[in-house]
Each structure stands twice: as C-alpha cells, then as structure tokens.
Amino acid sequence: MPTVRPRLTPPILWALLLAIALPACGPTEPPEVRAFRETYQRLHNAGKAAELYELIAFAPGVPPATRQHARLALREETRWPLRRILIQPATPEDLQNLLPKGATLPYPPEYTVTVTLDTDDRLTSQWLAGPPPQGLRLLLPALP
C-alpha cells in the first residue's frame, strides 16, 4: 500500500507560516520605555549609582532622609549584576500594592518597573514610573 503524504497547498502553507510568525511579532515597547530601560541597564552595569539616582522623580514633601536612603539603595544595587529590568503598564492592582494609602506622586504612574538582580535569591525591587516632560522616571511618593 503506497504512503499518502498530505499535500501542503499555498493557503495551508501560509496559515502555518503566520501561526509561527505572529507570536514573535508581539507589541513593541514605546520609545520612551525602551530608552529608559537601555539607560537604566547602561548606568547600572557601569556602576553609576549617582546617575541612576537622577532617574528618580521625587514627590514634593519627600524628606531628605528618604532621598538619602534611595541614594544608598541604588549604590548597593549596583554592586550586583543586573539580571533583568521589566517595564509594564501599571494596573489598578499595581497601584494598590505599590502606593501606600494617602501617598502622593510627582506624576501620574503609567508603568511598573521591576528590577531583578542576578543574585542567588533574585533580589527584586519594584517601582512605579511615569512620564514627566523630560522622559520616563521612577516615582518616589511622599507619605502622608
């Protein structure tokens, strides 16, 4: 009995190609997000904590001690290799989880930024981020 092989007609072939290719064509990240991610990675990998600090927009009323803690945390973070930085649109759940009740932000948050270090425990920090006029910035809220 001869073997019958299925014949791939052009419509079937195109459907298979599209099924393979379309998932790779996911949404592209906005230019300001890509620029921020690339800048953060470059500064982190170069150990430039002071320049990373400049990527933070502080809400009015953030005390000097909190600003100093942010500076120290970034200095400590740059001692470890960066595993991943993930920037995604902020959801209402993100706002509820990351923003203390009554806190104020310098700009409306649009994204969450998750920074994961390449440590044994995958130390992770998570920020809200928003677009002030000079580009995407990490947002540090003022507490009530």
N, C-alpha and C. Protein backbone atom coordinates (compact mmCIF):
# COMPACT_ATOMS: atom_id res chain seq x y z
N MET A 1 0.84 -1.17 0.00
CA MET A 1 0.00 0.00 0.00
C MET A 1 0.90 1.24 0.00
N PRO A 2 0.72 2.15 -0.92
CA PRO A 2 1.56 3.33 -1.00
C PRO A 2 1.26 4.30 0.14
N THR A 3 2.32 5.02 0.57
CA THR A 3 2.19 6.02 1.63
C THR A 3 1.57 7.29 1.05
N VAL A 4 0.56 7.78 1.73
CA VAL A 4 -0.10 9.00 1.28
C VAL A 4 0.42 10.14 2.14
N ARG A 5 1.04 11.10 1.50
CA ARG A 5 1.56 12.26 2.21
C ARG A 5 0.59 13.42 2.03
N PRO A 6 0.35 14.16 3.11
CA PRO A 6 -0.54 15.32 2.96
C PRO A 6 0.13 16.37 2.09
N ARG A 7 -0.65 16.97 1.26
CA ARG A 7 -0.11 17.98 0.36
C ARG A 7 -0.37 19.35 0.97
N LEU A 8 0.68 20.15 1.08
CA LEU A 8 0.55 21.49 1.63
C LEU A 8 0.23 22.45 0.49
N THR A 9 -0.99 22.86 0.45
CA THR A 9 -1.39 23.82 -0.57
C THR A 9 -0.98 25.21 -0.09
N PRO A 10 -0.86 26.17 -1.00
CA PRO A 10 -0.44 27.51 -0.59
C PRO A 10 -1.25 28.10 0.56
N PRO A 11 -2.58 27.99 0.61
CA PRO A 11 -3.30 28.57 1.76
C PRO A 11 -2.91 27.90 3.08
N ILE A 12 -2.73 26.59 3.06
CA ILE A 12 -2.34 25.89 4.29
C ILE A 12 -0.92 26.29 4.69
N LEU A 13 -0.04 26.39 3.72
CA LEU A 13 1.33 26.80 3.99
C LEU A 13 1.38 28.21 4.59
N TRP A 14 0.62 29.14 4.03
CA TRP A 14 0.59 30.50 4.57
C TRP A 14 0.03 30.52 5.99
N ALA A 15 -1.00 29.73 6.23
CA ALA A 15 -1.59 29.68 7.57
C ALA A 15 -0.56 29.16 8.58
N LEU A 16 0.21 28.16 8.21
CA LEU A 16 1.25 27.64 9.10
C LEU A 16 2.34 28.68 9.36
N LEU A 17 2.76 29.36 8.31
CA LEU A 17 3.79 30.39 8.47
C LEU A 17 3.30 31.53 9.37
N LEU A 18 2.07 31.95 9.19
CA LEU A 18 1.52 33.01 10.05
C LEU A 18 1.40 32.55 11.50
N ALA A 19 1.00 31.31 11.70
CA ALA A 19 0.87 30.78 13.06
C ALA A 19 2.21 30.76 13.77
N ILE A 20 3.27 30.57 13.02
CA ILE A 20 4.61 30.55 13.60
C ILE A 20 5.14 31.97 13.79
N ALA A 21 4.90 32.84 12.83
CA ALA A 21 5.49 34.17 12.83
C ALA A 21 4.77 35.18 13.72
N LEU A 22 3.46 35.12 13.82
CA LEU A 22 2.71 36.14 14.55
C LEU A 22 3.06 36.24 16.03
N PRO A 23 3.25 35.14 16.76
CA PRO A 23 3.61 35.31 18.17
C PRO A 23 4.92 36.07 18.36
N ALA A 24 5.82 35.99 17.42
CA ALA A 24 7.09 36.72 17.53
C ALA A 24 6.91 38.20 17.26
N CYS A 25 5.79 38.59 16.73
CA CYS A 25 5.53 39.99 16.40
C CYS A 25 4.65 40.64 17.46
N GLY A 26 4.98 40.40 18.73
CA GLY A 26 4.19 40.95 19.82
C GLY A 26 4.26 42.47 19.83
N PRO A 27 3.60 43.08 20.78
CA PRO A 27 3.59 44.53 20.84
C PRO A 27 5.00 45.06 21.07
N THR A 28 5.31 46.15 20.41
CA THR A 28 6.62 46.75 20.59
C THR A 28 6.53 47.74 21.75
N GLU A 29 7.64 47.91 22.46
CA GLU A 29 7.61 48.83 23.58
C GLU A 29 7.73 50.26 23.07
N PRO A 30 7.05 51.18 23.74
CA PRO A 30 7.12 52.59 23.33
C PRO A 30 8.57 53.09 23.40
N PRO A 31 8.92 54.07 22.56
CA PRO A 31 10.30 54.57 22.53
C PRO A 31 10.80 55.07 23.88
N GLU A 32 9.93 55.74 24.66
CA GLU A 32 10.39 56.25 25.95
C GLU A 32 10.69 55.12 26.93
N VAL A 33 9.95 54.02 26.81
CA VAL A 33 10.20 52.85 27.67
C VAL A 33 11.52 52.20 27.28
N ARG A 34 11.73 52.01 25.98
CA ARG A 34 12.98 51.40 25.51
C ARG A 34 14.17 52.27 25.91
N ALA A 35 14.06 53.58 25.74
CA ALA A 35 15.15 54.49 26.09
C ALA A 35 15.45 54.42 27.59
N PHE A 36 14.40 54.39 28.41
CA PHE A 36 14.60 54.31 29.86
C PHE A 36 15.28 53.00 30.23
N ARG A 37 14.78 51.89 29.69
CA ARG A 37 15.35 50.57 30.01
C ARG A 37 16.82 50.52 29.62
N GLU A 38 17.14 50.99 28.43
CA GLU A 38 18.54 50.96 27.96
C GLU A 38 19.42 51.85 28.83
N THR A 39 18.92 53.03 29.21
CA THR A 39 19.69 53.93 30.07
C THR A 39 19.91 53.30 31.43
N TYR A 40 18.86 52.73 32.01
CA TYR A 40 18.98 52.10 33.33
C TYR A 40 20.00 50.97 33.28
N GLN A 41 19.91 50.12 32.27
CA GLN A 41 20.85 49.00 32.14
C GLN A 41 22.28 49.50 32.01
N ARG A 42 22.49 50.50 31.16
CA ARG A 42 23.84 51.03 30.93
C ARG A 42 24.42 51.61 32.22
N LEU A 43 23.62 52.43 32.93
CA LEU A 43 24.10 53.04 34.16
C LEU A 43 24.35 52.00 35.25
N HIS A 44 23.44 51.05 35.36
CA HIS A 44 23.61 50.00 36.37
C HIS A 44 24.87 49.19 36.09
N ASN A 45 25.04 48.76 34.85
CA ASN A 45 26.20 47.94 34.51
C ASN A 45 27.51 48.69 34.68
N ALA A 46 27.48 50.02 34.55
CA ALA A 46 28.67 50.84 34.73
C ALA A 46 28.88 51.22 36.20
N GLY A 47 27.94 50.83 37.07
CA GLY A 47 28.06 51.14 38.50
C GLY A 47 27.84 52.60 38.82
N LYS A 48 27.07 53.30 38.01
CA LYS A 48 26.85 54.75 38.18
C LYS A 48 25.58 55.02 38.99
N ALA A 49 25.68 54.77 40.28
CA ALA A 49 24.52 54.94 41.17
C ALA A 49 24.05 56.39 41.21
N ALA A 50 24.97 57.34 41.18
CA ALA A 50 24.57 58.75 41.24
C ALA A 50 23.74 59.13 40.01
N GLU A 51 24.07 58.58 38.86
CA GLU A 51 23.29 58.87 37.66
C GLU A 51 21.96 58.12 37.67
N LEU A 52 21.92 56.93 38.26
CA LEU A 52 20.65 56.22 38.42
C LEU A 52 19.72 57.04 39.31
N TYR A 53 20.29 57.65 40.33
CA TYR A 53 19.51 58.48 41.25
C TYR A 53 18.81 59.61 40.50
N GLU A 54 19.42 60.09 39.45
CA GLU A 54 18.83 61.18 38.65
C GLU A 54 17.61 60.70 37.86
N LEU A 55 17.39 59.40 37.78
CA LEU A 55 16.21 58.85 37.09
C LEU A 55 14.98 58.81 38.00
N ILE A 56 15.12 59.30 39.22
CA ILE A 56 14.00 59.30 40.17
C ILE A 56 13.37 60.69 40.22
N ALA A 57 12.06 60.72 40.12
CA ALA A 57 11.29 61.95 40.34
C ALA A 57 10.68 61.84 41.73
N PHE A 58 11.02 62.77 42.60
CA PHE A 58 10.53 62.76 43.97
C PHE A 58 9.29 63.62 44.09
N ALA A 59 8.31 63.11 44.82
CA ALA A 59 7.11 63.90 45.10
C ALA A 59 7.49 65.03 46.04
N PRO A 60 6.81 66.17 45.93
CA PRO A 60 7.05 67.24 46.90
C PRO A 60 6.79 66.70 48.31
N GLY A 61 7.65 67.04 49.23
CA GLY A 61 7.47 66.60 50.61
C GLY A 61 8.25 65.35 50.97
N VAL A 62 8.99 64.74 50.03
CA VAL A 62 9.82 63.59 50.38
C VAL A 62 10.98 64.11 51.23
N PRO A 63 11.13 63.59 52.45
CA PRO A 63 12.16 64.12 53.34
C PRO A 63 13.58 63.77 52.87
N PRO A 64 14.55 64.58 53.28
CA PRO A 64 15.94 64.33 52.91
C PRO A 64 16.43 62.93 53.30
N ALA A 65 15.98 62.42 54.44
CA ALA A 65 16.42 61.08 54.87
C ALA A 65 15.95 60.00 53.87
N THR A 66 14.76 60.14 53.34
CA THR A 66 14.25 59.18 52.35
C THR A 66 15.05 59.29 51.06
N ARG A 67 15.38 60.49 50.67
CA ARG A 67 16.21 60.69 49.47
C ARG A 67 17.57 60.03 49.65
N GLN A 68 18.14 60.17 50.86
CA GLN A 68 19.43 59.55 51.14
C GLN A 68 19.32 58.02 51.12
N HIS A 69 18.22 57.49 51.64
CA HIS A 69 18.02 56.03 51.60
C HIS A 69 17.95 55.53 50.15
N ALA A 70 17.28 56.29 49.30
CA ALA A 70 17.21 55.90 47.89
C ALA A 70 18.60 55.90 47.26
N ARG A 71 19.38 56.91 47.59
CA ARG A 71 20.76 57.00 47.06
C ARG A 71 21.60 55.81 47.53
N LEU A 72 21.49 55.47 48.81
CA LEU A 72 22.25 54.33 49.35
C LEU A 72 21.78 53.00 48.75
N ALA A 73 20.47 52.86 48.56
CA ALA A 73 19.94 51.62 47.98
C ALA A 73 20.45 51.43 46.55
N LEU A 74 20.47 52.49 45.77
CA LEU A 74 20.98 52.38 44.40
C LEU A 74 22.48 52.07 44.38
N ARG A 75 23.21 52.67 45.31
CA ARG A 75 24.65 52.37 45.40
C ARG A 75 24.86 50.89 45.71
N GLU A 76 24.06 50.36 46.62
CA GLU A 76 24.18 48.94 46.97
C GLU A 76 23.75 48.05 45.80
N GLU A 77 22.67 48.45 45.12
CA GLU A 77 22.15 47.66 44.00
C GLU A 77 23.19 47.50 42.89
N THR A 78 23.94 48.55 42.62
CA THR A 78 24.90 48.49 41.51
C THR A 78 26.10 47.61 41.82
N ARG A 79 26.22 47.11 43.03
CA ARG A 79 27.30 46.17 43.35
C ARG A 79 27.02 44.79 42.77
N TRP A 80 25.78 44.53 42.39
CA TRP A 80 25.37 43.21 41.89
C TRP A 80 25.02 43.31 40.42
N PRO A 81 25.25 42.24 39.66
CA PRO A 81 24.88 42.26 38.24
C PRO A 81 23.36 42.34 38.06
N LEU A 82 22.97 43.01 37.02
CA LEU A 82 21.55 43.15 36.68
C LEU A 82 21.12 41.92 35.88
N ARG A 83 20.09 41.25 36.35
CA ARG A 83 19.57 40.10 35.62
C ARG A 83 18.53 40.53 34.60
N ARG A 84 17.60 41.42 35.04
CA ARG A 84 16.51 41.80 34.14
C ARG A 84 15.85 43.08 34.63
N ILE A 85 15.40 43.86 33.69
CA ILE A 85 14.54 45.00 34.00
C ILE A 85 13.29 44.86 33.14
N LEU A 86 12.15 44.80 33.79
CA LEU A 86 10.88 44.60 33.11
C LEU A 86 10.01 45.83 33.34
N ILE A 87 9.53 46.41 32.25
CA ILE A 87 8.68 47.59 32.33
C ILE A 87 7.35 47.25 31.68
N GLN A 88 6.28 47.36 32.48
CA GLN A 88 4.94 47.01 32.00
C GLN A 88 3.95 48.10 32.39
N PRO A 89 2.86 48.21 31.63
CA PRO A 89 1.83 49.18 32.02
C PRO A 89 1.33 48.88 33.44
N ALA A 90 1.16 49.92 34.22
CA ALA A 90 0.67 49.76 35.60
C ALA A 90 -0.81 49.42 35.59
N THR A 91 -1.18 48.46 36.41
CA THR A 91 -2.58 48.07 36.57
C THR A 91 -3.13 48.69 37.86
N PRO A 92 -4.45 48.73 38.01
CA PRO A 92 -5.00 49.21 39.29
C PRO A 92 -4.48 48.41 40.49
N GLU A 93 -4.24 47.12 40.30
CA GLU A 93 -3.70 46.29 41.39
C GLU A 93 -2.27 46.72 41.74
N ASP A 94 -1.48 47.07 40.71
CA ASP A 94 -0.12 47.57 40.98
C ASP A 94 -0.17 48.83 41.83
N LEU A 95 -1.06 49.74 41.48
CA LEU A 95 -1.17 50.99 42.23
C LEU A 95 -1.57 50.72 43.67
N GLN A 96 -2.49 49.78 43.86
CA GLN A 96 -2.94 49.44 45.20
C GLN A 96 -1.81 48.81 46.01
N ASN A 97 -1.00 47.95 45.37
CA ASN A 97 0.06 47.24 46.07
C ASN A 97 1.32 48.08 46.30
N LEU A 98 1.61 49.00 45.39
CA LEU A 98 2.88 49.73 45.46
C LEU A 98 2.76 51.14 46.01
N LEU A 99 1.56 51.65 46.11
CA LEU A 99 1.39 53.03 46.56
C LEU A 99 0.65 53.04 47.91
N PRO A 100 1.34 53.43 48.98
CA PRO A 100 0.68 53.48 50.29
C PRO A 100 -0.52 54.43 50.26
N LYS A 101 -1.53 54.09 51.03
CA LYS A 101 -2.74 54.90 51.09
C LYS A 101 -2.40 56.33 51.53
N GLY A 102 -2.89 57.29 50.75
CA GLY A 102 -2.68 58.69 51.06
C GLY A 102 -1.38 59.27 50.52
N ALA A 103 -0.55 58.43 49.91
CA ALA A 103 0.72 58.92 49.37
C ALA A 103 0.47 59.73 48.10
N THR A 104 1.37 60.66 47.84
CA THR A 104 1.27 61.47 46.62
C THR A 104 2.48 61.21 45.74
N LEU A 105 2.26 61.31 44.44
CA LEU A 105 3.34 61.10 43.47
C LEU A 105 3.59 62.38 42.69
N PRO A 106 4.80 62.53 42.15
CA PRO A 106 5.07 63.75 41.38
C PRO A 106 4.39 63.77 40.02
N TYR A 107 4.10 62.60 39.46
CA TYR A 107 3.45 62.47 38.15
C TYR A 107 2.53 61.27 38.19
N PRO A 108 1.54 61.21 37.33
CA PRO A 108 0.68 60.03 37.28
C PRO A 108 1.49 58.80 36.85
N PRO A 109 1.35 57.71 37.58
CA PRO A 109 2.09 56.49 37.21
C PRO A 109 1.46 55.82 35.99
N GLU A 110 2.29 55.40 35.08
CA GLU A 110 1.81 54.68 33.90
C GLU A 110 2.41 53.29 33.79
N TYR A 111 3.55 53.05 34.45
CA TYR A 111 4.25 51.77 34.32
C TYR A 111 4.70 51.27 35.67
N THR A 112 4.95 49.96 35.73
CA THR A 112 5.71 49.38 36.83
C THR A 112 7.07 48.99 36.26
N VAL A 113 8.09 49.22 37.05
CA VAL A 113 9.46 48.85 36.67
C VAL A 113 9.93 47.84 37.70
N THR A 114 10.24 46.63 37.24
CA THR A 114 10.72 45.58 38.11
C THR A 114 12.18 45.32 37.77
N VAL A 115 13.04 45.56 38.74
CA VAL A 115 14.48 45.36 38.57
C VAL A 115 14.87 44.11 39.35
N THR A 116 15.43 43.13 38.65
CA THR A 116 15.86 41.88 39.29
C THR A 116 17.37 41.77 39.16
N LEU A 117 18.01 41.55 40.30
CA LEU A 117 19.46 41.40 40.31
C LEU A 117 19.84 39.95 40.13
N ASP A 118 21.02 39.71 39.61
CA ASP A 118 21.49 38.35 39.37
C ASP A 118 22.19 37.84 40.62
N THR A 119 21.39 37.63 41.66
CA THR A 119 21.87 37.09 42.93
C THR A 119 21.21 35.73 43.14
N ASP A 120 21.71 34.99 44.13
CA ASP A 120 21.14 33.67 44.39
C ASP A 120 19.64 33.74 44.69
N ASP A 121 19.23 34.80 45.38
CA ASP A 121 17.81 34.93 45.74
C ASP A 121 17.02 35.81 44.78
N ARG A 122 17.65 36.25 43.68
CA ARG A 122 16.99 37.10 42.67
C ARG A 122 16.35 38.32 43.31
N LEU A 123 17.15 39.04 44.10
CA LEU A 123 16.68 40.24 44.78
C LEU A 123 15.99 41.16 43.77
N THR A 124 14.79 41.62 44.10
CA THR A 124 13.97 42.39 43.17
C THR A 124 13.45 43.66 43.84
N SER A 125 13.46 44.73 43.09
CA SER A 125 12.80 45.97 43.54
C SER A 125 11.75 46.33 42.50
N GLN A 126 10.71 46.97 42.98
CA GLN A 126 9.62 47.34 42.07
C GLN A 126 9.26 48.80 42.31
N TRP A 127 9.11 49.54 41.21
CA TRP A 127 8.82 50.96 41.24
C TRP A 127 7.61 51.25 40.38
N LEU A 128 6.97 52.36 40.67
CA LEU A 128 6.03 52.94 39.72
C LEU A 128 6.83 53.93 38.89
N ALA A 129 6.43 54.13 37.65
CA ALA A 129 7.14 55.06 36.78
C ALA A 129 6.13 55.88 35.99
N GLY A 130 6.51 57.10 35.72
CA GLY A 130 5.63 57.98 34.96
C GLY A 130 6.43 58.89 34.05
N PRO A 131 5.74 59.48 33.13
CA PRO A 131 6.42 60.30 32.11
C PRO A 131 6.37 61.80 32.37
N PRO A 132 7.33 62.33 33.14
CA PRO A 132 7.40 63.79 33.20
C PRO A 132 7.91 64.34 31.87
N PRO A 133 7.94 65.63 31.71
CA PRO A 133 8.34 66.20 30.42
C PRO A 133 9.72 65.74 29.92
N GLN A 134 10.65 65.42 30.82
CA GLN A 134 11.99 65.06 30.38
C GLN A 134 12.16 63.56 30.11
N GLY A 135 11.10 62.78 30.13
CA GLY A 135 11.19 61.34 29.85
C GLY A 135 10.77 60.52 31.05
N LEU A 136 10.67 59.23 30.85
CA LEU A 136 10.21 58.31 31.89
C LEU A 136 11.11 58.39 33.11
N ARG A 137 10.50 58.42 34.31
CA ARG A 137 11.23 58.48 35.57
C ARG A 137 10.60 57.54 36.58
N LEU A 138 11.43 57.01 37.47
CA LEU A 138 10.94 56.26 38.63
C LEU A 138 10.28 57.27 39.55
N LEU A 139 9.20 56.87 40.20
CA LEU A 139 8.44 57.79 41.05
C LEU A 139 8.58 57.40 42.51
N LEU A 140 9.03 58.32 43.34
CA LEU A 140 9.12 58.07 44.78
C LEU A 140 8.06 58.93 45.46
N PRO A 141 7.08 58.28 46.11
CA PRO A 141 5.97 59.05 46.69
C PRO A 141 6.33 59.71 48.00
N ALA A 142 5.56 60.74 48.31
CA ALA A 142 5.60 61.36 49.64
C ALA A 142 4.51 60.70 50.46
N LEU A 143 4.86 60.29 51.66
CA LEU A 143 3.89 59.62 52.53
C LEU A 143 3.13 60.65 53.34
N PRO A 144 1.87 60.30 53.71
CA PRO A 144 1.07 61.26 54.47
C PRO A 144 1.62 61.50 55.87
